[in-house]
Amino acid sequence: MSLLRVLLAILFPPLAVVDQGCGSIVIVFLLTLLGWVPGVLAALIILNNTNRQL
């Protein structure tokens, strides 16, 4: 996880997970609409996931 990704996750969570897939973007966007903190937490968890399948 790079510093730029962490800053994006804090400032605008959906933008940080753009390359993680459409489902991740939608989930983070909806959580961000419900509140900033859930969106940030979801983005950081998705970015920190080490079991990514490419």
PDB file of N, CA and C in Angstrom:
ATOM      1  N   MET A   1       0.856  -1.167   0.000  1.00  0.00           N
ATOM      2  CA  MET A   1       0.000   0.000   0.000  1.00  0.00           C
ATOM      3  C   MET A   1       0.903   1.231   0.000  1.00  0.00           C
ATOM      4  N   SER A   2       0.749   2.061  -1.001  1.00  0.00           N
ATOM      5  CA  SER A   2       1.596   3.237  -1.101  1.00  0.00           C
ATOM      6  C   SER A   2       0.991   4.414  -0.339  1.00  0.00           C
ATOM      7  N   LEU A   3       1.814   5.387  -0.081  1.00  0.00           N
ATOM      8  CA  LEU A   3       1.378   6.581   0.638  1.00  0.00           C
ATOM      9  C   LEU A   3       0.299   7.325  -0.142  1.00  0.00           C
ATOM     10  N   LEU A   4       0.420   7.360  -1.456  1.00  0.00           N
ATOM     11  CA  LEU A   4      -0.582   8.021  -2.291  1.00  0.00           C
ATOM     12  C   LEU A   4      -1.939   7.344  -2.159  1.00  0.00           C
ATOM     13  N   ARG A   5      -1.953   6.019  -2.138  1.00  0.00           N
ATOM     14  CA  ARG A   5      -3.209   5.280  -1.984  1.00  0.00           C
ATOM     15  C   ARG A   5      -3.840   5.558  -0.620  1.00  0.00           C
ATOM     16  N   VAL A   6      -3.028   5.629   0.412  1.00  0.00           N
ATOM     17  CA  VAL A   6      -3.556   5.900   1.758  1.00  0.00           C
ATOM     18  C   VAL A   6      -4.152   7.310   1.803  1.00  0.00           C
ATOM     19  N   LEU A   7      -3.477   8.271   1.216  1.00  0.00           N
ATOM     20  CA  LEU A   7      -4.009   9.636   1.189  1.00  0.00           C
ATOM     21  C   LEU A   7      -5.306   9.708   0.392  1.00  0.00           C
ATOM     22  N   LEU A   8      -5.364   9.001  -0.741  1.00  0.00           N
ATOM     23  CA  LEU A   8      -6.601   8.963  -1.515  1.00  0.00           C
ATOM     24  C   LEU A   8      -7.722   8.298  -0.733  1.00  0.00           C
ATOM     25  N   ALA A   9      -7.392   7.235  -0.005  1.00  0.00           N
ATOM     26  CA  ALA A   9      -8.397   6.535   0.792  1.00  0.00           C
ATOM     27  C   ALA A   9      -8.945   7.434   1.887  1.00  0.00           C
ATOM     28  N   ILE A  10      -8.129   8.314   2.409  1.00  0.00           N
ATOM     29  CA  ILE A  10      -8.582   9.221   3.459  1.00  0.00           C
ATOM     30  C   ILE A  10      -9.376  10.394   2.876  1.00  0.00           C
ATOM     31  N   LEU A  11      -8.921  10.938   1.764  1.00  0.00           N
ATOM     32  CA  LEU A  11      -9.575  12.110   1.187  1.00  0.00           C
ATOM     33  C   LEU A  11     -10.809  11.761   0.361  1.00  0.00           C
ATOM     34  N   PHE A  12     -10.695  10.762  -0.513  1.00  0.00           N
ATOM     35  CA  PHE A  12     -11.806  10.354  -1.370  1.00  0.00           C
ATOM     36  C   PHE A  12     -11.745   8.850  -1.564  1.00  0.00           C
ATOM     37  N   PRO A  13     -12.357   8.098  -0.664  1.00  0.00           N
ATOM     38  CA  PRO A  13     -12.206   6.647  -0.639  1.00  0.00           C
ATOM     39  C   PRO A  13     -12.521   5.912  -1.947  1.00  0.00           C
ATOM     40  N   PRO A  14     -13.587   6.245  -2.696  1.00  0.00           N
ATOM     41  CA  PRO A  14     -13.844   5.477  -3.919  1.00  0.00           C
ATOM     42  C   PRO A  14     -12.736   5.599  -4.964  1.00  0.00           C
ATOM     43  N   LEU A  15     -12.071   6.726  -5.002  1.00  0.00           N
ATOM     44  CA  LEU A  15     -10.998   6.914  -5.968  1.00  0.00           C
ATOM     45  C   LEU A  15      -9.790   6.030  -5.661  1.00  0.00           C
ATOM     46  N   ALA A  16      -9.598   5.693  -4.421  1.00  0.00           N
ATOM     47  CA  ALA A  16      -8.453   4.872  -4.026  1.00  0.00           C
ATOM     48  C   ALA A  16      -8.603   3.421  -4.468  1.00  0.00           C
ATOM     49  N   VAL A  17      -9.828   2.958  -4.662  1.00  0.00           N
ATOM     50  CA  VAL A  17     -10.045   1.543  -5.007  1.00  0.00           C
ATOM     51  C   VAL A  17     -10.493   1.353  -6.454  1.00  0.00           C
ATOM     52  N   VAL A  18     -10.197   2.298  -7.313  1.00  0.00           N
ATOM     53  CA  VAL A  18     -10.637   2.227  -8.709  1.00  0.00           C
ATOM     54  C   VAL A  18     -10.121   0.970  -9.404  1.00  0.00           C
ATOM     55  N   ASP A  19      -8.897   0.590  -9.181  1.00  0.00           N
ATOM     56  CA  ASP A  19      -8.330  -0.562  -9.882  1.00  0.00           C
ATOM     57  C   ASP A  19      -8.642  -1.894  -9.204  1.00  0.00           C
ATOM     58  N   GLN A  20      -9.454  -1.888  -8.158  1.00  0.00           N
ATOM     59  CA  GLN A  20      -9.793  -3.111  -7.436  1.00  0.00           C
ATOM     60  C   GLN A  20     -11.045  -3.783  -7.970  1.00  0.00           C
ATOM     61  N   GLY A  21     -11.738  -3.163  -8.873  1.00  0.00           N
ATOM     62  CA  GLY A  21     -12.941  -3.753  -9.454  1.00  0.00           C
ATOM     63  C   GLY A  21     -14.179  -2.933  -9.168  1.00  0.00           C
ATOM     64  N   CYS A  22     -15.212  -3.201  -9.968  1.00  0.00           N
ATOM     65  CA  CYS A  22     -16.456  -2.433  -9.878  1.00  0.00           C
ATOM     66  C   CYS A  22     -17.168  -2.648  -8.546  1.00  0.00           C
ATOM     67  N   GLY A  23     -17.158  -3.867  -8.047  1.00  0.00           N
ATOM     68  CA  GLY A  23     -17.823  -4.158  -6.785  1.00  0.00           C
ATOM     69  C   GLY A  23     -17.228  -3.390  -5.628  1.00  0.00           C
ATOM     70  N   SER A  24     -15.914  -3.292  -5.610  1.00  0.00           N
ATOM     71  CA  SER A  24     -15.240  -2.556  -4.537  1.00  0.00           C
ATOM     72  C   SER A  24     -15.576  -1.076  -4.595  1.00  0.00           C
ATOM     73  N   ILE A  25     -15.633  -0.535  -5.788  1.00  0.00           N
ATOM     74  CA  ILE A  25     -15.951   0.886  -5.944  1.00  0.00           C
ATOM     75  C   ILE A  25     -17.361   1.162  -5.436  1.00  0.00           C
ATOM     76  N   VAL A  26     -18.304   0.297  -5.795  1.00  0.00           N
ATOM     77  CA  VAL A  26     -19.693   0.498  -5.392  1.00  0.00           C
ATOM     78  C   VAL A  26     -19.838   0.389  -3.877  1.00  0.00           C
ATOM     79  N   ILE A  27     -19.213  -0.623  -3.290  1.00  0.00           N
ATOM     80  CA  ILE A  27     -19.305  -0.806  -1.843  1.00  0.00           C
ATOM     81  C   ILE A  27     -18.720   0.382  -1.107  1.00  0.00           C
ATOM     82  N   VAL A  28     -17.537   0.805  -1.512  1.00  0.00           N
ATOM     83  CA  VAL A  28     -16.891   1.940  -0.839  1.00  0.00           C
ATOM     84  C   VAL A  28     -17.687   3.224  -1.058  1.00  0.00           C
ATOM     85  N   PHE A  29     -18.240   3.399  -2.246  1.00  0.00           N
ATOM     86  CA  PHE A  29     -19.034   4.593  -2.518  1.00  0.00           C
ATOM     87  C   PHE A  29     -20.279   4.640  -1.639  1.00  0.00           C
ATOM     88  N   LEU A  30     -20.973   3.508  -1.532  1.00  0.00           N
ATOM     89  CA  LEU A  30     -22.174   3.473  -0.695  1.00  0.00           C
ATOM     90  C   LEU A  30     -21.842   3.693   0.780  1.00  0.00           C
ATOM     91  N   LEU A  31     -20.760   3.091   1.240  1.00  0.00           N
ATOM     92  CA  LEU A  31     -20.361   3.309   2.629  1.00  0.00           C
ATOM     93  C   LEU A  31     -19.936   4.751   2.874  1.00  0.00           C
ATOM     94  N   THR A  32     -19.325   5.373   1.871  1.00  0.00           N
ATOM     95  CA  THR A  32     -18.939   6.776   1.998  1.00  0.00           C
ATOM     96  C   THR A  32     -20.177   7.670   2.064  1.00  0.00           C
ATOM     97  N   LEU A  33     -21.226   7.297   1.322  1.00  0.00           N
ATOM     98  CA  LEU A  33     -22.471   8.063   1.406  1.00  0.00           C
ATOM     99  C   LEU A  33     -23.109   7.953   2.792  1.00  0.00           C
ATOM    100  N   LEU A  34     -22.961   6.786   3.426  1.00  0.00           N
ATOM    101  CA  LEU A  34     -23.505   6.601   4.765  1.00  0.00           C
ATOM    102  C   LEU A  34     -22.705   7.353   5.822  1.00  0.00           C
ATOM    103  N   GLY A  35     -21.461   7.570   5.531  1.00  0.00           N
ATOM    104  CA  GLY A  35     -20.592   8.288   6.461  1.00  0.00           C
ATOM    105  C   GLY A  35     -19.160   8.190   5.987  1.00  0.00           C
ATOM    106  N   TRP A  36     -18.398   9.190   6.279  1.00  0.00           N
ATOM    107  CA  TRP A  36     -17.033   9.243   5.780  1.00  0.00           C
ATOM    108  C   TRP A  36     -16.167   8.152   6.386  1.00  0.00           C
ATOM    109  N   VAL A  37     -16.309   7.910   7.677  1.00  0.00           N
ATOM    110  CA  VAL A  37     -15.471   6.941   8.381  1.00  0.00           C
ATOM    111  C   VAL A  37     -15.678   5.514   7.850  1.00  0.00           C
ATOM    112  N   PRO A  38     -16.912   5.034   7.646  1.00  0.00           N
ATOM    113  CA  PRO A  38     -17.058   3.682   7.085  1.00  0.00           C
ATOM    114  C   PRO A  38     -16.448   3.542   5.692  1.00  0.00           C
ATOM    115  N   GLY A  39     -16.548   4.581   4.890  1.00  0.00           N
ATOM    116  CA  GLY A  39     -15.953   4.548   3.559  1.00  0.00           C
ATOM    117  C   GLY A  39     -14.437   4.467   3.610  1.00  0.00           C
ATOM    118  N   VAL A  40     -13.838   5.239   4.501  1.00  0.00           N
ATOM    119  CA  VAL A  40     -12.386   5.223   4.659  1.00  0.00           C
ATOM    120  C   VAL A  40     -11.919   3.866   5.167  1.00  0.00           C
ATOM    121  N   LEU A  41     -12.619   3.337   6.158  1.00  0.00           N
ATOM    122  CA  LEU A  41     -12.237   2.026   6.698  1.00  0.00           C
ATOM    123  C   LEU A  41     -12.349   0.934   5.642  1.00  0.00           C
ATOM    124  N   ALA A  42     -13.420   0.948   4.875  1.00  0.00           N
ATOM    125  CA  ALA A  42     -13.590  -0.063   3.827  1.00  0.00           C
ATOM    126  C   ALA A  42     -12.495   0.067   2.771  1.00  0.00           C
ATOM    127  N   ALA A  43     -12.165   1.281   2.374  1.00  0.00           N
ATOM    128  CA  ALA A  43     -11.119   1.487   1.373  1.00  0.00           C
ATOM    129  C   ALA A  43      -9.768   1.003   1.894  1.00  0.00           C
ATOM    130  N   LEU A  44      -9.460   1.292   3.137  1.00  0.00           N
ATOM    131  CA  LEU A  44      -8.185   0.847   3.698  1.00  0.00           C
ATOM    132  C   LEU A  44      -8.140  -0.676   3.832  1.00  0.00           C
ATOM    133  N   ILE A  45      -9.253  -1.290   4.184  1.00  0.00           N
ATOM    134  CA  ILE A  45      -9.285  -2.752   4.280  1.00  0.00           C
ATOM    135  C   ILE A  45      -9.114  -3.377   2.906  1.00  0.00           C
ATOM    136  N   ILE A  46      -9.777  -2.844   1.901  1.00  0.00           N
ATOM    137  CA  ILE A  46      -9.648  -3.381   0.545  1.00  0.00           C
ATOM    138  C   ILE A  46      -8.225  -3.196   0.037  1.00  0.00           C
ATOM    139  N   LEU A  47      -7.630  -2.050   0.294  1.00  0.00           N
ATOM    140  CA  LEU A  47      -6.260  -1.812  -0.166  1.00  0.00           C
ATOM    141  C   LEU A  47      -5.248  -2.663   0.587  1.00  0.00           C
ATOM    142  N   ASN A  48      -5.540  -3.007   1.816  1.00  0.00           N
ATOM    143  CA  ASN A  48      -4.610  -3.781   2.629  1.00  0.00           C
ATOM    144  C   ASN A  48      -4.769  -5.289   2.427  1.00  0.00           C
ATOM    145  N   ASN A  49      -5.765  -5.699   1.645  1.00  0.00           N
ATOM    146  CA  ASN A  49      -6.007  -7.113   1.397  1.00  0.00           C
ATOM    147  C   ASN A  49      -4.812  -7.720   0.658  1.00  0.00           C
ATOM    148  N   THR A  50      -4.184  -8.724   1.265  1.00  0.00           N
ATOM    149  CA  THR A  50      -3.012  -9.347   0.641  1.00  0.00           C
ATOM    150  C   THR A  50      -3.370 -10.539  -0.196  1.00  0.00           C
ATOM    151  N   ASN A  51      -4.619 -10.991  -0.189  1.00  0.00           N
ATOM    152  CA  ASN A  51      -5.044 -12.151  -0.958  1.00  0.00           C
ATOM    153  C   ASN A  51      -5.692 -11.752  -2.266  1.00  0.00           C
ATOM    154  N   ARG A  52      -5.139 -10.777  -2.948  1.00  0.00           N
ATOM    155  CA  ARG A  52      -5.702 -10.321  -4.224  1.00  0.00           C
ATOM    156  C   ARG A  52      -5.479 -11.353  -5.293  1.00  0.00           C
ATOM    157  N   GLN A  53      -6.488 -11.556  -6.115  1.00  0.00           N
ATOM    158  CA  GLN A  53      -6.386 -12.453  -7.247  1.00  0.00           C
ATOM    159  C   GLN A  53      -6.408 -11.634  -8.513  1.00  0.00           C
ATOM    160  N   LEU A  54      -5.383 -11.757  -9.315  1.00  0.00           N
ATOM    161  CA  LEU A  54      -5.310 -10.983 -10.551  1.00  0.00           C
ATOM    162  C   LEU A  54      -5.577 -11.849 -11.733  1.00  0.00           C
TER     163      LEU A  54
END
